[in-house]
Amino acid sequence: AKRLHSTNSFAQAPLAFLEELCQGSEDLFFPPGATILPFGESCSYGDSHLYVVLAGEVRALDELGVVQYNVEAESMFGEACALGMDWTRSNSFRAFSDSFVHIAKIAGRALVAALNMYPLEREPLDNVNDMRKDAVEKFVAERHMWLDNTVLPALSQSPLLLGCPSEFLEALAAPLIEASFD
């Protein structure tokens, strides 16, 4: 409980809430690049767990493997499923390729019990979920604009791809990521 209290995610939470939250929690360790949670996994309130990165970094990827956001040390992930807001996991989560990751896995049942005892502690968790959802929606909109305005026109004008159906070009473009090289 004290370790969670020292994280950004739970620094303001009462220690008694965190002690309840830690009932049945586990320390998990992942090597670089390992899948922590798969995309599309079924979720249910009370059974889905909440995760806090204690060391390292985790990447959230969409169904095509495009990184949507990073979860840094002392931050949580999996809150949408753990709080019963999503019924299917909309991201896969992987350990960053450059580092090992240490995670606290907070049992779904312990989360429900702790929130029943300390209902005011749900608001900060909901706020994290809302901010993350807004950031992902913005990322997805900007990415679609990049694909539509930059990638698809470039692909359609390529001599190699001239005359290819737009559906083919869209499928080809979908997993691409924007990167700059110095």
Protein backbone atom coordinates (compact mmCIF):
# COMPACT_ATOMS: atom_id res chain seq x y z
CA ALA A 1 0.00 0.00 0.00
CA LYS A 2 2.84 2.39 0.79
CA ARG A 3 4.46 1.72 -2.58
CA LEU A 4 1.20 2.58 -4.39
CA HIS A 5 0.84 5.68 -2.22
CA SER A 6 4.21 6.87 -3.51
CA THR A 7 3.02 6.76 -7.15
CA ASN A 8 1.50 9.63 -9.11
CA SER A 9 -1.67 7.60 -9.59
CA PHE A 10 -2.41 7.15 -5.89
CA ALA A 11 -0.45 9.89 -4.08
CA GLN A 12 -3.66 11.60 -2.93
CA ALA A 13 -5.54 8.43 -1.93
CA PRO A 14 -6.06 7.54 1.73
CA LEU A 15 -3.71 4.81 2.93
CA ALA A 16 -6.68 2.78 4.25
CA PHE A 17 -8.18 2.74 0.72
CA LEU A 18 -4.86 1.54 -0.70
CA GLU A 19 -4.59 -1.19 1.93
CA GLU A 20 -7.99 -2.50 0.80
CA LEU A 21 -6.96 -2.12 -2.82
CA CYS A 22 -3.84 -4.21 -2.28
CA GLN A 23 -5.73 -7.27 -1.04
CA GLY A 24 -4.72 -10.04 -3.43
CA SER A 25 -2.49 -7.78 -5.52
CA GLU A 26 0.52 -9.23 -7.32
CA ASP A 27 3.90 -8.00 -8.50
CA LEU A 28 4.41 -8.88 -12.17
CA PHE A 29 7.61 -8.59 -14.18
CA PHE A 30 7.87 -8.51 -17.98
CA PRO A 31 10.88 -8.60 -20.31
CA PRO A 32 11.25 -5.99 -23.07
CA GLY A 33 8.58 -6.31 -25.76
CA ALA A 34 6.43 -8.84 -23.87
CA THR A 35 2.66 -8.70 -24.21
CA ILE A 36 1.08 -7.82 -20.88
CA LEU A 37 -2.57 -7.72 -21.98
CA PRO A 38 -4.00 -8.74 -25.36
CA PHE A 39 -6.27 -6.67 -27.58
CA GLY A 40 -9.91 -7.76 -27.62
CA GLU A 41 -9.91 -9.52 -24.26
CA SER A 42 -13.35 -9.66 -22.59
CA CYS A 43 -13.71 -7.46 -19.52
CA SER A 44 -16.10 -7.50 -16.60
CA TYR A 45 -16.42 -5.33 -13.52
CA GLY A 46 -14.95 -7.15 -10.55
CA ASP A 47 -13.01 -9.65 -12.66
CA SER A 48 -10.83 -7.33 -14.73
CA HIS A 49 -7.75 -6.01 -12.97
CA LEU A 50 -6.17 -2.59 -12.66
CA TYR A 51 -2.44 -2.25 -13.34
CA VAL A 52 0.11 0.25 -12.04
CA VAL A 53 3.54 0.54 -13.66
CA LEU A 54 6.08 0.62 -10.86
CA ALA A 55 9.18 0.61 -13.08
CA GLY A 56 9.73 0.72 -16.83
CA GLU A 57 7.30 1.80 -19.52
CA VAL A 58 4.29 0.18 -21.18
CA ARG A 59 2.94 0.87 -24.66
CA ALA A 60 -0.76 0.77 -25.53
CA LEU A 61 -1.32 -0.45 -29.09
CA ASP A 62 -4.43 -0.60 -31.23
CA GLU A 63 -5.56 -3.70 -33.14
CA LEU A 64 -3.05 -2.94 -35.92
CA GLY A 65 -0.12 -2.55 -33.54
CA VAL A 66 0.01 1.25 -33.77
CA VAL A 67 1.15 2.82 -30.50
CA GLN A 68 -1.64 5.05 -29.19
CA TYR A 69 0.01 6.12 -25.95
CA ASN A 70 2.70 5.24 -23.44
CA VAL A 71 2.17 4.44 -19.77
CA GLU A 72 5.12 5.62 -17.75
CA ALA A 73 6.27 4.51 -14.31
CA GLU A 74 3.87 5.42 -11.50
CA SER A 75 0.90 5.51 -13.88
CA MET A 76 -2.00 3.09 -14.21
CA PHE A 77 -3.58 1.30 -17.14
CA GLY A 78 -6.49 -1.07 -17.68
CA GLU A 79 -8.80 1.28 -15.79
CA ALA A 80 -11.59 1.23 -18.40
CA CYS A 81 -12.02 -2.53 -18.04
CA ALA A 82 -11.40 -2.59 -14.29
CA LEU A 83 -14.03 0.11 -13.69
CA GLY A 84 -16.60 -1.60 -15.93
CA MET A 85 -16.55 1.13 -18.60
CA ASP A 86 -15.42 -1.20 -21.40
CA TRP A 87 -16.53 -4.77 -22.00
CA THR A 88 -13.76 -5.53 -24.47
CA ARG A 89 -10.15 -4.44 -24.16
CA SER A 90 -9.56 -1.80 -26.86
CA ASN A 91 -5.75 -1.89 -26.64
CA SER A 92 -3.06 -4.44 -26.18
CA PHE A 93 -0.37 -3.51 -23.71
CA ARG A 94 3.30 -4.38 -24.17
CA ALA A 95 6.44 -3.80 -22.21
CA PHE A 96 8.53 -1.13 -23.92
CA SER A 97 11.19 -2.75 -26.07
CA ASP A 98 14.08 -1.09 -24.23
CA SER A 99 13.31 -2.02 -20.63
CA PHE A 100 11.99 -4.58 -18.21
CA VAL A 101 8.69 -3.64 -16.61
CA HIS A 102 7.52 -4.07 -13.02
CA ILE A 103 3.76 -3.85 -12.54
CA ALA A 104 1.39 -4.03 -9.60
CA LYS A 105 -1.67 -6.05 -10.62
CA ILE A 106 -4.61 -4.94 -8.49
CA ALA A 107 -7.28 -7.59 -8.31
CA GLY A 108 -10.63 -6.58 -9.76
CA ARG A 109 -12.54 -7.85 -6.72
CA ALA A 110 -10.26 -5.87 -4.38
CA LEU A 111 -10.87 -2.75 -6.49
CA VAL A 112 -14.64 -3.20 -6.24
CA ALA A 113 -14.46 -3.80 -2.48
CA ALA A 114 -12.20 -0.79 -1.90
CA LEU A 115 -14.43 1.47 -4.01
CA ASN A 116 -17.50 0.28 -2.12
CA MET A 117 -15.81 1.27 1.14
CA TYR A 118 -14.34 4.52 -0.26
CA PRO A 119 -16.72 5.66 -3.04
CA LEU A 120 -15.09 9.10 -3.35
CA GLU A 121 -11.90 7.41 -4.58
CA ARG A 122 -13.61 6.41 -7.82
CA GLU A 123 -13.61 9.97 -9.20
CA PRO A 124 -9.82 10.20 -9.67
CA LEU A 125 -9.88 6.84 -11.47
CA ASP A 126 -12.75 7.98 -13.69
CA ASN A 127 -10.81 11.19 -14.43
CA VAL A 128 -7.77 9.22 -15.60
CA ASN A 129 -10.02 7.14 -17.85
CA ASP A 130 -11.77 10.23 -19.26
CA MET A 131 -8.49 12.04 -19.98
CA ARG A 132 -7.01 8.96 -21.62
CA LYS A 133 -10.14 8.42 -23.71
CA ASP A 134 -10.04 12.05 -24.90
CA ALA A 135 -6.33 11.79 -25.75
CA VAL A 136 -6.87 8.56 -27.73
CA GLU A 137 -9.80 10.07 -29.64
CA LYS A 138 -7.64 13.08 -30.54
CA PHE A 139 -4.75 10.81 -31.59
CA VAL A 140 -7.06 8.67 -33.76
CA ALA A 141 -8.60 11.76 -35.44
CA GLU A 142 -5.16 13.27 -36.15
CA ARG A 143 -3.87 9.96 -37.44
CA HIS A 144 -6.83 9.52 -39.79
CA MET A 145 -6.26 13.04 -41.08
CA TRP A 146 -2.57 12.22 -41.70
CA LEU A 147 -3.51 9.00 -43.49
CA ASP A 148 -6.17 10.73 -45.63
CA ASN A 149 -4.21 13.89 -46.44
CA THR A 150 -0.65 12.62 -46.69
CA VAL A 151 -0.28 8.86 -46.91
CA LEU A 152 -3.09 7.89 -49.27
CA PRO A 153 -2.30 10.65 -51.81
CA ALA A 154 1.39 9.64 -51.74
CA LEU A 155 0.57 5.96 -52.22
CA SER A 156 -1.93 6.62 -55.00
CA GLN A 157 0.66 8.66 -56.94
CA SER A 158 3.42 6.08 -56.58
CA PRO A 159 4.26 4.49 -59.96
CA LEU A 160 4.32 1.07 -58.30
CA LEU A 161 0.77 1.46 -56.99
CA LEU A 162 -0.88 3.40 -59.83
CA GLY A 163 -4.28 1.96 -60.62
CA CYS A 164 -4.61 -0.02 -57.37
CA PRO A 165 -8.09 0.06 -55.81
CA SER A 166 -8.54 2.58 -53.00
CA GLU A 167 -9.51 -0.26 -50.63
CA PHE A 168 -6.10 -1.84 -51.21
CA LEU A 169 -4.31 1.45 -50.59
CA GLU A 170 -6.31 2.04 -47.39
CA ALA A 171 -5.43 -1.45 -46.12
CA LEU A 172 -1.79 -0.84 -47.00
CA ALA A 173 -1.78 2.52 -45.20
CA ALA A 174 -3.68 1.45 -42.06
CA PRO A 175 -0.73 0.10 -40.02
CA LEU A 176 1.73 2.81 -41.09
CA ILE A 177 3.11 5.19 -38.50
CA GLU A 178 4.53 8.66 -38.85
CA ALA A 179 8.22 8.81 -38.05
CA SER A 180 10.95 11.36 -38.62
CA PHE A 181 14.62 10.58 -38.95
CA ASP A 182 17.44 12.95 -38.10
